[in-house]
Amino acid sequence: MSAYTLIGTDGMPYESERPGRLGGYRTRRSYGRLDCPSALRAIAGGGYVAQRVFFADELTAISAGYRPCAVCLPQGYQAWRRSPRE
């Protein structure tokens, strides 16, 4: 029996036996650590939860079209900012 719903490389949800290692925010298409201070503040304030998604790993999050969080993954975010996008 699956206990977790994660987002796959195609951006679609799937059931998993294991929890996600990264959390994401569907509205801004960003992902970060589960202990991200920015995400935890938003959740504590009552926001964000309805748009929260989870990923097994960073490669999956990137493949699904999400970008690194500027707060908890600043190096990844800076690399994303410098990279050419469509």
PDB file of N, CA and C in Angstrom:
ATOM      1  N   MET A   1       0.837  -1.185   0.000  1.00  0.00           N
ATOM      2  CA  MET A   1       0.000   0.000   0.000  1.00  0.00           C
ATOM      3  C   MET A   1       0.885   1.253   0.000  1.00  0.00           C
ATOM      4  N   SER A   2       0.643   2.162  -0.913  1.00  0.00           N
ATOM      5  CA  SER A   2       1.411   3.393  -1.026  1.00  0.00           C
ATOM      6  C   SER A   2       0.938   4.411  -0.001  1.00  0.00           C
ATOM      7  N   ALA A   3       1.893   5.084   0.595  1.00  0.00           N
ATOM      8  CA  ALA A   3       1.557   6.063   1.616  1.00  0.00           C
ATOM      9  C   ALA A   3       1.869   7.489   1.192  1.00  0.00           C
ATOM     10  N   TYR A   4       2.588   7.647   0.066  1.00  0.00           N
ATOM     11  CA  TYR A   4       3.034   8.974  -0.341  1.00  0.00           C
ATOM     12  C   TYR A   4       2.702   9.231  -1.805  1.00  0.00           C
ATOM     13  N   THR A   5       2.401  10.480  -2.098  1.00  0.00           N
ATOM     14  CA  THR A   5       2.186  10.888  -3.484  1.00  0.00           C
ATOM     15  C   THR A   5       3.318  11.830  -3.862  1.00  0.00           C
ATOM     16  N   LEU A   6       4.064  11.451  -4.900  1.00  0.00           N
ATOM     17  CA  LEU A   6       5.175  12.249  -5.386  1.00  0.00           C
ATOM     18  C   LEU A   6       4.878  12.714  -6.804  1.00  0.00           C
ATOM     19  N   ILE A   7       5.654  13.669  -7.287  1.00  0.00           N
ATOM     20  CA  ILE A   7       5.549  14.146  -8.666  1.00  0.00           C
ATOM     21  C   ILE A   7       6.679  13.510  -9.461  1.00  0.00           C
ATOM     22  N   GLY A   8       6.351  12.974 -10.628  1.00  0.00           N
ATOM     23  CA  GLY A   8       7.344  12.337 -11.480  1.00  0.00           C
ATOM     24  C   GLY A   8       7.963  13.297 -12.463  1.00  0.00           C
ATOM     25  N   THR A   9       8.880  12.796 -13.286  1.00  0.00           N
ATOM     26  CA  THR A   9       9.568  13.630 -14.270  1.00  0.00           C
ATOM     27  C   THR A   9       8.615  14.247 -15.284  1.00  0.00           C
ATOM     28  N   ASP A  10       7.448  13.623 -15.458  1.00  0.00           N
ATOM     29  CA  ASP A  10       6.447  14.151 -16.393  1.00  0.00           C
ATOM     30  C   ASP A  10       5.522  15.181 -15.743  1.00  0.00           C
ATOM     31  N   GLY A  11       5.773  15.482 -14.465  1.00  0.00           N
ATOM     32  CA  GLY A  11       4.949  16.451 -13.753  1.00  0.00           C
ATOM     33  C   GLY A  11       3.654  15.883 -13.207  1.00  0.00           C
ATOM     34  N   MET A  12       3.449  14.586 -13.371  1.00  0.00           N
ATOM     35  CA  MET A  12       2.221  13.940 -12.916  1.00  0.00           C
ATOM     36  C   MET A  12       2.453  13.231 -11.577  1.00  0.00           C
ATOM     37  N   PRO A  13       1.428  13.184 -10.728  1.00  0.00           N
ATOM     38  CA  PRO A  13       1.572  12.512  -9.436  1.00  0.00           C
ATOM     39  C   PRO A  13       1.605  10.987  -9.593  1.00  0.00           C
ATOM     40  N   TYR A  14       2.315  10.345  -8.687  1.00  0.00           N
ATOM     41  CA  TYR A  14       2.341   8.888  -8.621  1.00  0.00           C
ATOM     42  C   TYR A  14       2.485   8.470  -7.166  1.00  0.00           C
ATOM     43  N   GLU A  15       2.060   7.270  -6.870  1.00  0.00           N
ATOM     44  CA  GLU A  15       2.125   6.746  -5.513  1.00  0.00           C
ATOM     45  C   GLU A  15       3.491   6.122  -5.259  1.00  0.00           C
ATOM     46  N   SER A  16       3.997   6.302  -4.042  1.00  0.00           N
ATOM     47  CA  SER A  16       5.310   5.799  -3.675  1.00  0.00           C
ATOM     48  C   SER A  16       5.275   5.185  -2.283  1.00  0.00           C
ATOM     49  N   GLU A  17       6.091   4.196  -2.084  1.00  0.00           N
ATOM     50  CA  GLU A  17       6.258   3.598  -0.754  1.00  0.00           C
ATOM     51  C   GLU A  17       7.143   4.472   0.131  1.00  0.00           C
ATOM     52  N   ARG A  18       7.951   5.321  -0.497  1.00  0.00           N
ATOM     53  CA  ARG A  18       8.896   6.161   0.233  1.00  0.00           C
ATOM     54  C   ARG A  18       8.494   7.630   0.152  1.00  0.00           C
ATOM     55  N   PRO A  19       8.788   8.388   1.203  1.00  0.00           N
ATOM     56  CA  PRO A  19       8.478   9.827   1.155  1.00  0.00           C
ATOM     57  C   PRO A  19       9.423  10.556   0.211  1.00  0.00           C
ATOM     58  N   GLY A  20       9.016  11.715  -0.226  1.00  0.00           N
ATOM     59  CA  GLY A  20       9.874  12.538  -1.062  1.00  0.00           C
ATOM     60  C   GLY A  20      11.015  13.121  -0.254  1.00  0.00           C
ATOM     61  N   ARG A  21      12.121  13.393  -0.916  1.00  0.00           N
ATOM     62  CA  ARG A  21      13.280  13.997  -0.261  1.00  0.00           C
ATOM     63  C   ARG A  21      13.284  15.508  -0.405  1.00  0.00           C
ATOM     64  N   LEU A  22      12.471  16.015  -1.352  1.00  0.00           N
ATOM     65  CA  LEU A  22      12.383  17.454  -1.600  1.00  0.00           C
ATOM     66  C   LEU A  22      10.924  17.870  -1.676  1.00  0.00           C
ATOM     67  N   GLY A  23      10.642  19.089  -1.250  1.00  0.00           N
ATOM     68  CA  GLY A  23       9.303  19.636  -1.366  1.00  0.00           C
ATOM     69  C   GLY A  23       9.275  20.693  -2.452  1.00  0.00           C
ATOM     70  N   GLY A  24       8.105  20.931  -2.990  1.00  0.00           N
ATOM     71  CA  GLY A  24       7.976  21.930  -4.031  1.00  0.00           C
ATOM     72  C   GLY A  24       6.714  22.751  -3.863  1.00  0.00           C
ATOM     73  N   TYR A  25       6.682  23.853  -4.586  1.00  0.00           N
ATOM     74  CA  TYR A  25       5.537  24.766  -4.582  1.00  0.00           C
ATOM     75  C   TYR A  25       5.049  24.861  -6.022  1.00  0.00           C
ATOM     76  N   ARG A  26       3.892  24.246  -6.270  1.00  0.00           N
ATOM     77  CA  ARG A  26       3.359  24.131  -7.625  1.00  0.00           C
ATOM     78  C   ARG A  26       3.160  25.497  -8.293  1.00  0.00           C
ATOM     79  N   THR A  27       2.689  26.495  -7.572  1.00  0.00           N
ATOM     80  CA  THR A  27       2.393  27.807  -8.145  1.00  0.00           C
ATOM     81  C   THR A  27       3.630  28.465  -8.752  1.00  0.00           C
ATOM     82  N   ARG A  28       4.741  28.420  -8.039  1.00  0.00           N
ATOM     83  CA  ARG A  28       5.981  29.049  -8.530  1.00  0.00           C
ATOM     84  C   ARG A  28       6.925  28.055  -9.187  1.00  0.00           C
ATOM     85  N   ARG A  29       6.532  26.790  -9.189  1.00  0.00           N
ATOM     86  CA  ARG A  29       7.336  25.716  -9.790  1.00  0.00           C
ATOM     87  C   ARG A  29       8.764  25.742  -9.252  1.00  0.00           C
ATOM     88  N   SER A  30       8.847  25.799  -7.915  1.00  0.00           N
ATOM     89  CA  SER A  30      10.143  25.771  -7.247  1.00  0.00           C
ATOM     90  C   SER A  30      10.204  24.561  -6.326  1.00  0.00           C
ATOM     91  N   TYR A  31      11.416  24.119  -6.028  1.00  0.00           N
ATOM     92  CA  TYR A  31      11.599  22.990  -5.110  1.00  0.00           C
ATOM     93  C   TYR A  31      12.732  23.307  -4.156  1.00  0.00           C
ATOM     94  N   GLY A  32      12.708  22.646  -2.997  1.00  0.00           N
ATOM     95  CA  GLY A  32      13.766  22.856  -2.017  1.00  0.00           C
ATOM     96  C   GLY A  32      13.765  21.769  -0.965  1.00  0.00           C
ATOM     97  N   ARG A  33      14.601  21.974   0.028  1.00  0.00           N
ATOM     98  CA  ARG A  33      14.717  21.010   1.126  1.00  0.00           C
ATOM     99  C   ARG A  33      13.424  21.011   1.942  1.00  0.00           C
ATOM    100  N   LEU A  34      13.155  19.899   2.593  1.00  0.00           N
ATOM    101  CA  LEU A  34      11.955  19.801   3.421  1.00  0.00           C
ATOM    102  C   LEU A  34      12.042  20.702   4.653  1.00  0.00           C
ATOM    103  N   ASP A  35      13.243  21.068   5.051  1.00  0.00           N
ATOM    104  CA  ASP A  35      13.422  21.957   6.207  1.00  0.00           C
ATOM    105  C   ASP A  35      13.681  23.412   5.798  1.00  0.00           C
ATOM    106  N   CYS A  36      13.314  23.777   4.585  1.00  0.00           N
ATOM    107  CA  CYS A  36      13.534  25.134   4.083  1.00  0.00           C
ATOM    108  C   CYS A  36      12.825  26.149   4.987  1.00  0.00           C
ATOM    109  N   PRO A  37      13.551  27.137   5.504  1.00  0.00           N
ATOM    110  CA  PRO A  37      12.924  28.130   6.377  1.00  0.00           C
ATOM    111  C   PRO A  37      11.799  28.903   5.699  1.00  0.00           C
ATOM    112  N   SER A  38      11.958  29.213   4.436  1.00  0.00           N
ATOM    113  CA  SER A  38      10.926  29.955   3.716  1.00  0.00           C
ATOM    114  C   SER A  38       9.637  29.141   3.602  1.00  0.00           C
ATOM    115  N   ALA A  39       9.766  27.880   3.234  1.00  0.00           N
ATOM    116  CA  ALA A  39       8.588  27.012   3.108  1.00  0.00           C
ATOM    117  C   ALA A  39       7.928  26.794   4.471  1.00  0.00           C
ATOM    118  N   LEU A  40       8.737  26.573   5.491  1.00  0.00           N
ATOM    119  CA  LEU A  40       8.173  26.337   6.827  1.00  0.00           C
ATOM    120  C   LEU A  40       7.428  27.566   7.341  1.00  0.00           C
ATOM    121  N   ARG A  41       7.935  28.773   7.045  1.00  0.00           N
ATOM    122  CA  ARG A  41       7.221  30.001   7.435  1.00  0.00           C
ATOM    123  C   ARG A  41       5.881  30.097   6.714  1.00  0.00           C
ATOM    124  N   ALA A  42       5.890  29.803   5.411  1.00  0.00           N
ATOM    125  CA  ALA A  42       4.647  29.880   4.632  1.00  0.00           C
ATOM    126  C   ALA A  42       3.628  28.868   5.145  1.00  0.00           C
ATOM    127  N   ILE A  43       4.072  27.672   5.433  1.00  0.00           N
ATOM    128  CA  ILE A  43       3.173  26.628   5.945  1.00  0.00           C
ATOM    129  C   ILE A  43       2.626  27.026   7.307  1.00  0.00           C
ATOM    130  N   ALA A  44       3.480  27.534   8.185  1.00  0.00           N
ATOM    131  CA  ALA A  44       3.045  27.956   9.520  1.00  0.00           C
ATOM    132  C   ALA A  44       2.020  29.082   9.443  1.00  0.00           C
ATOM    133  N   GLY A  45       2.126  29.912   8.410  1.00  0.00           N
ATOM    134  CA  GLY A  45       1.194  31.020   8.233  1.00  0.00           C
ATOM    135  C   GLY A  45      -0.107  30.623   7.565  1.00  0.00           C
ATOM    136  N   GLY A  46      -0.254  29.357   7.263  1.00  0.00           N
ATOM    137  CA  GLY A  46      -1.497  28.870   6.680  1.00  0.00           C
ATOM    138  C   GLY A  46      -1.527  28.863   5.160  1.00  0.00           C
ATOM    139  N   GLY A  47      -0.448  29.263   4.543  1.00  0.00           N
ATOM    140  CA  GLY A  47      -0.399  29.270   3.092  1.00  0.00           C
ATOM    141  C   GLY A  47       0.365  28.076   2.550  1.00  0.00           C
ATOM    142  N   TYR A  48       0.399  27.970   1.224  1.00  0.00           N
ATOM    143  CA  TYR A  48       1.321  27.056   0.584  1.00  0.00           C
ATOM    144  C   TYR A  48       0.877  25.590   0.560  1.00  0.00           C
ATOM    145  N   VAL A  49       0.191  25.122   1.582  1.00  0.00           N
ATOM    146  CA  VAL A  49      -0.086  23.699   1.750  1.00  0.00           C
ATOM    147  C   VAL A  49      -0.869  23.107   0.573  1.00  0.00           C
ATOM    148  N   ALA A  50      -1.854  23.802   0.066  1.00  0.00           N
ATOM    149  CA  ALA A  50      -2.669  23.274  -1.028  1.00  0.00           C
ATOM    150  C   ALA A  50      -1.874  23.109  -2.318  1.00  0.00           C
ATOM    151  N   GLN A  51      -0.790  23.847  -2.447  1.00  0.00           N
ATOM    152  CA  GLN A  51       0.038  23.792  -3.651  1.00  0.00           C
ATOM    153  C   GLN A  51       1.365  23.056  -3.416  1.00  0.00           C
ATOM    154  N   ARG A  52       1.486  22.367  -2.301  1.00  0.00           N
ATOM    155  CA  ARG A  52       2.721  21.657  -1.950  1.00  0.00           C
ATOM    156  C   ARG A  52       2.793  20.341  -2.711  1.00  0.00           C
ATOM    157  N   VAL A  53       3.966  20.051  -3.272  1.00  0.00           N
ATOM    158  CA  VAL A  53       4.220  18.785  -3.961  1.00  0.00           C
ATOM    159  C   VAL A  53       5.550  18.233  -3.443  1.00  0.00           C
ATOM    160  N   PHE A  54       5.816  16.957  -3.745  1.00  0.00           N
ATOM    161  CA  PHE A  54       7.030  16.317  -3.261  1.00  0.00           C
ATOM    162  C   PHE A  54       7.714  15.563  -4.384  1.00  0.00           C
ATOM    163  N   PHE A  55       9.042  15.506  -4.295  1.00  0.00           N
ATOM    164  CA  PHE A  55       9.858  14.843  -5.308  1.00  0.00           C
ATOM    165  C   PHE A  55      10.791  13.835  -4.649  1.00  0.00           C
ATOM    166  N   ALA A  56      11.087  12.775  -5.365  1.00  0.00           N
ATOM    167  CA  ALA A  56      12.021  11.765  -4.869  1.00  0.00           C
ATOM    168  C   ALA A  56      13.437  12.309  -4.818  1.00  0.00           C
ATOM    169  N   ASP A  57      13.794  13.151  -5.800  1.00  0.00           N
ATOM    170  CA  ASP A  57      15.163  13.669  -5.879  1.00  0.00           C
ATOM    171  C   ASP A  57      15.200  14.930  -6.741  1.00  0.00           C
ATOM    172  N   GLU A  58      16.367  15.538  -6.785  1.00  0.00           N
ATOM    173  CA  GLU A  58      16.525  16.799  -7.504  1.00  0.00           C
ATOM    174  C   GLU A  58      16.361  16.633  -9.017  1.00  0.00           C
ATOM    175  N   LEU A  59      16.899  15.567  -9.565  1.00  0.00           N
ATOM    176  CA  LEU A  59      16.788  15.343 -11.004  1.00  0.00           C
ATOM    177  C   LEU A  59      15.322  15.256 -11.434  1.00  0.00           C
ATOM    178  N   THR A  60      14.502  14.604 -10.627  1.00  0.00           N
ATOM    179  CA  THR A  60      13.071  14.501 -10.937  1.00  0.00           C
ATOM    180  C   THR A  60      12.410  15.876 -10.896  1.00  0.00           C
ATOM    181  N   ALA A  61      12.744  16.676  -9.890  1.00  0.00           N
ATOM    182  CA  ALA A  61      12.163  18.020  -9.779  1.00  0.00           C
ATOM    183  C   ALA A  61      12.526  18.872 -10.992  1.00  0.00           C
ATOM    184  N   ILE A  62      13.780  18.825 -11.390  1.00  0.00           N
ATOM    185  CA  ILE A  62      14.233  19.599 -12.548  1.00  0.00           C
ATOM    186  C   ILE A  62      13.553  19.099 -13.818  1.00  0.00           C
ATOM    187  N   SER A  63      13.477  17.786 -13.977  1.00  0.00           N
ATOM    188  CA  SER A  63      12.842  17.204 -15.167  1.00  0.00           C
ATOM    189  C   SER A  63      11.366  17.568 -15.259  1.00  0.00           C
ATOM    190  N   ALA A  64      10.727  17.759 -14.106  1.00  0.00           N
ATOM    191  CA  ALA A  64       9.315  18.136 -14.076  1.00  0.00           C
ATOM    192  C   ALA A  64       9.117  19.629 -14.316  1.00  0.00           C
ATOM    193  N   GLY A  65      10.218  20.369 -14.476  1.00  0.00           N
ATOM    194  CA  GLY A  65      10.119  21.792 -14.794  1.00  0.00           C
ATOM    195  C   GLY A  65      10.170  22.723 -13.606  1.00  0.00           C
ATOM    196  N   TYR A  66      10.686  22.255 -12.474  1.00  0.00           N
ATOM    197  CA  TYR A  66      10.787  23.078 -11.271  1.00  0.00           C
ATOM    198  C   TYR A  66      12.201  23.633 -11.137  1.00  0.00           C
ATOM    199  N   ARG A  67      12.329  24.762 -10.454  1.00  0.00           N
ATOM    200  CA  ARG A  67      13.623  25.407 -10.251  1.00  0.00           C
ATOM    201  C   ARG A  67      14.008  25.330  -8.773  1.00  0.00           C
ATOM    202  N   PRO A  68      15.307  25.434  -8.469  1.00  0.00           N
ATOM    203  CA  PRO A  68      15.753  25.398  -7.075  1.00  0.00           C
ATOM    204  C   PRO A  68      15.276  26.625  -6.287  1.00  0.00           C
ATOM    205  N   CYS A  69      15.069  26.429  -5.013  1.00  0.00           N
ATOM    206  CA  CYS A  69      14.678  27.506  -4.097  1.00  0.00           C
ATOM    207  C   CYS A  69      15.863  28.439  -3.857  1.00  0.00           C
ATOM    208  N   ALA A  70      15.613  29.730  -3.881  1.00  0.00           N
ATOM    209  CA  ALA A  70      16.667  30.716  -3.647  1.00  0.00           C
ATOM    210  C   ALA A  70      17.116  30.739  -2.192  1.00  0.00           C
ATOM    211  N   VAL A  71      16.259  30.316  -1.279  1.00  0.00           N
ATOM    212  CA  VAL A  71      16.571  30.380   0.152  1.00  0.00           C
ATOM    213  C   VAL A  71      17.397  29.174   0.607  1.00  0.00           C
ATOM    214  N   CYS A  72      16.918  27.975   0.357  1.00  0.00           N
ATOM    215  CA  CYS A  72      17.596  26.789   0.895  1.00  0.00           C
ATOM    216  C   CYS A  72      18.560  26.121  -0.087  1.00  0.00           C
ATOM    217  N   LEU A  73      18.493  26.485  -1.359  1.00  0.00           N
ATOM    218  CA  LEU A  73      19.404  25.945  -2.372  1.00  0.00           C
ATOM    219  C   LEU A  73      19.998  27.100  -3.189  1.00  0.00           C
ATOM    220  N   PRO A  74      20.673  28.051  -2.520  1.00  0.00           N
ATOM    221  CA  PRO A  74      21.119  29.261  -3.220  1.00  0.00           C
ATOM    222  C   PRO A  74      22.089  29.001  -4.375  1.00  0.00           C
ATOM    223  N   GLN A  75      22.978  28.040  -4.250  1.00  0.00           N
ATOM    224  CA  GLN A  75      23.912  27.762  -5.344  1.00  0.00           C
ATOM    225  C   GLN A  75      23.166  27.212  -6.562  1.00  0.00           C
ATOM    226  N   GLY A  76      22.232  26.301  -6.319  1.00  0.00           N
ATOM    227  CA  GLY A  76      21.429  25.763  -7.417  1.00  0.00           C
ATOM    228  C   GLY A  76      20.576  26.838  -8.057  1.00  0.00           C
ATOM    229  N   TYR A  77      20.032  27.725  -7.230  1.00  0.00           N
ATOM    230  CA  TYR A  77      19.210  28.821  -7.743  1.00  0.00           C
ATOM    231  C   TYR A  77      20.039  29.750  -8.623  1.00  0.00           C
ATOM    232  N   GLN A  78      21.249  30.099  -8.176  1.00  0.00           N
ATOM    233  CA  GLN A  78      22.110  30.982  -8.972  1.00  0.00           C
ATOM    234  C   GLN A  78      22.486  30.324 -10.301  1.00  0.00           C
ATOM    235  N   ALA A  79      22.770  29.030 -10.278  1.00  0.00           N
ATOM    236  CA  ALA A  79      23.075  28.314 -11.524  1.00  0.00           C
ATOM    237  C   ALA A  79      21.863  28.328 -12.444  1.00  0.00           C
ATOM    238  N   TRP A  80      20.676  28.148 -11.881  1.00  0.00           N
ATOM    239  CA  TRP A  80      19.442  28.183 -12.674  1.00  0.00           C
ATOM    240  C   TRP A  80      19.260  29.568 -13.298  1.00  0.00           C
ATOM    241  N   ARG A  81      19.521  30.619 -12.527  1.00  0.00           N
ATOM    242  CA  ARG A  81      19.367  31.984 -13.041  1.00  0.00           C
ATOM    243  C   ARG A  81      20.302  32.269 -14.194  1.00  0.00           C
ATOM    244  N   ARG A  82      21.498  31.709 -14.145  1.00  0.00           N
ATOM    245  CA  ARG A  82      22.487  31.934 -15.194  1.00  0.00           C
ATOM    246  C   ARG A  82      22.235  31.082 -16.435  1.00  0.00           C
ATOM    247  N   SER A  83      21.461  30.010 -16.288  1.00  0.00           N
ATOM    248  CA  SER A  83      21.257  29.092 -17.416  1.00  0.00           C
ATOM    249  C   SER A  83      20.246  29.652 -18.420  1.00  0.00           C
ATOM    250  N   PRO A  84      20.459  29.383 -19.720  1.00  0.00           N
ATOM    251  CA  PRO A  84      19.486  29.837 -20.718  1.00  0.00           C
ATOM    252  C   PRO A  84      18.192  29.044 -20.603  1.00  0.00           C
ATOM    253  N   ARG A  85      17.080  29.742 -20.717  1.00  0.00           N
ATOM    254  CA  ARG A  85      15.765  29.089 -20.655  1.00  0.00           C
ATOM    255  C   ARG A  85      14.953  29.508 -21.858  1.00  0.00           C
ATOM    256  N   GLU A  86      13.931  28.745 -22.109  1.00  0.00           N
ATOM    257  CA  GLU A  86      13.038  29.025 -23.251  1.00  0.00           C
ATOM    258  C   GLU A  86      12.152  30.206 -22.964  1.00  0.00           C
TER     259      GLU A  86
END
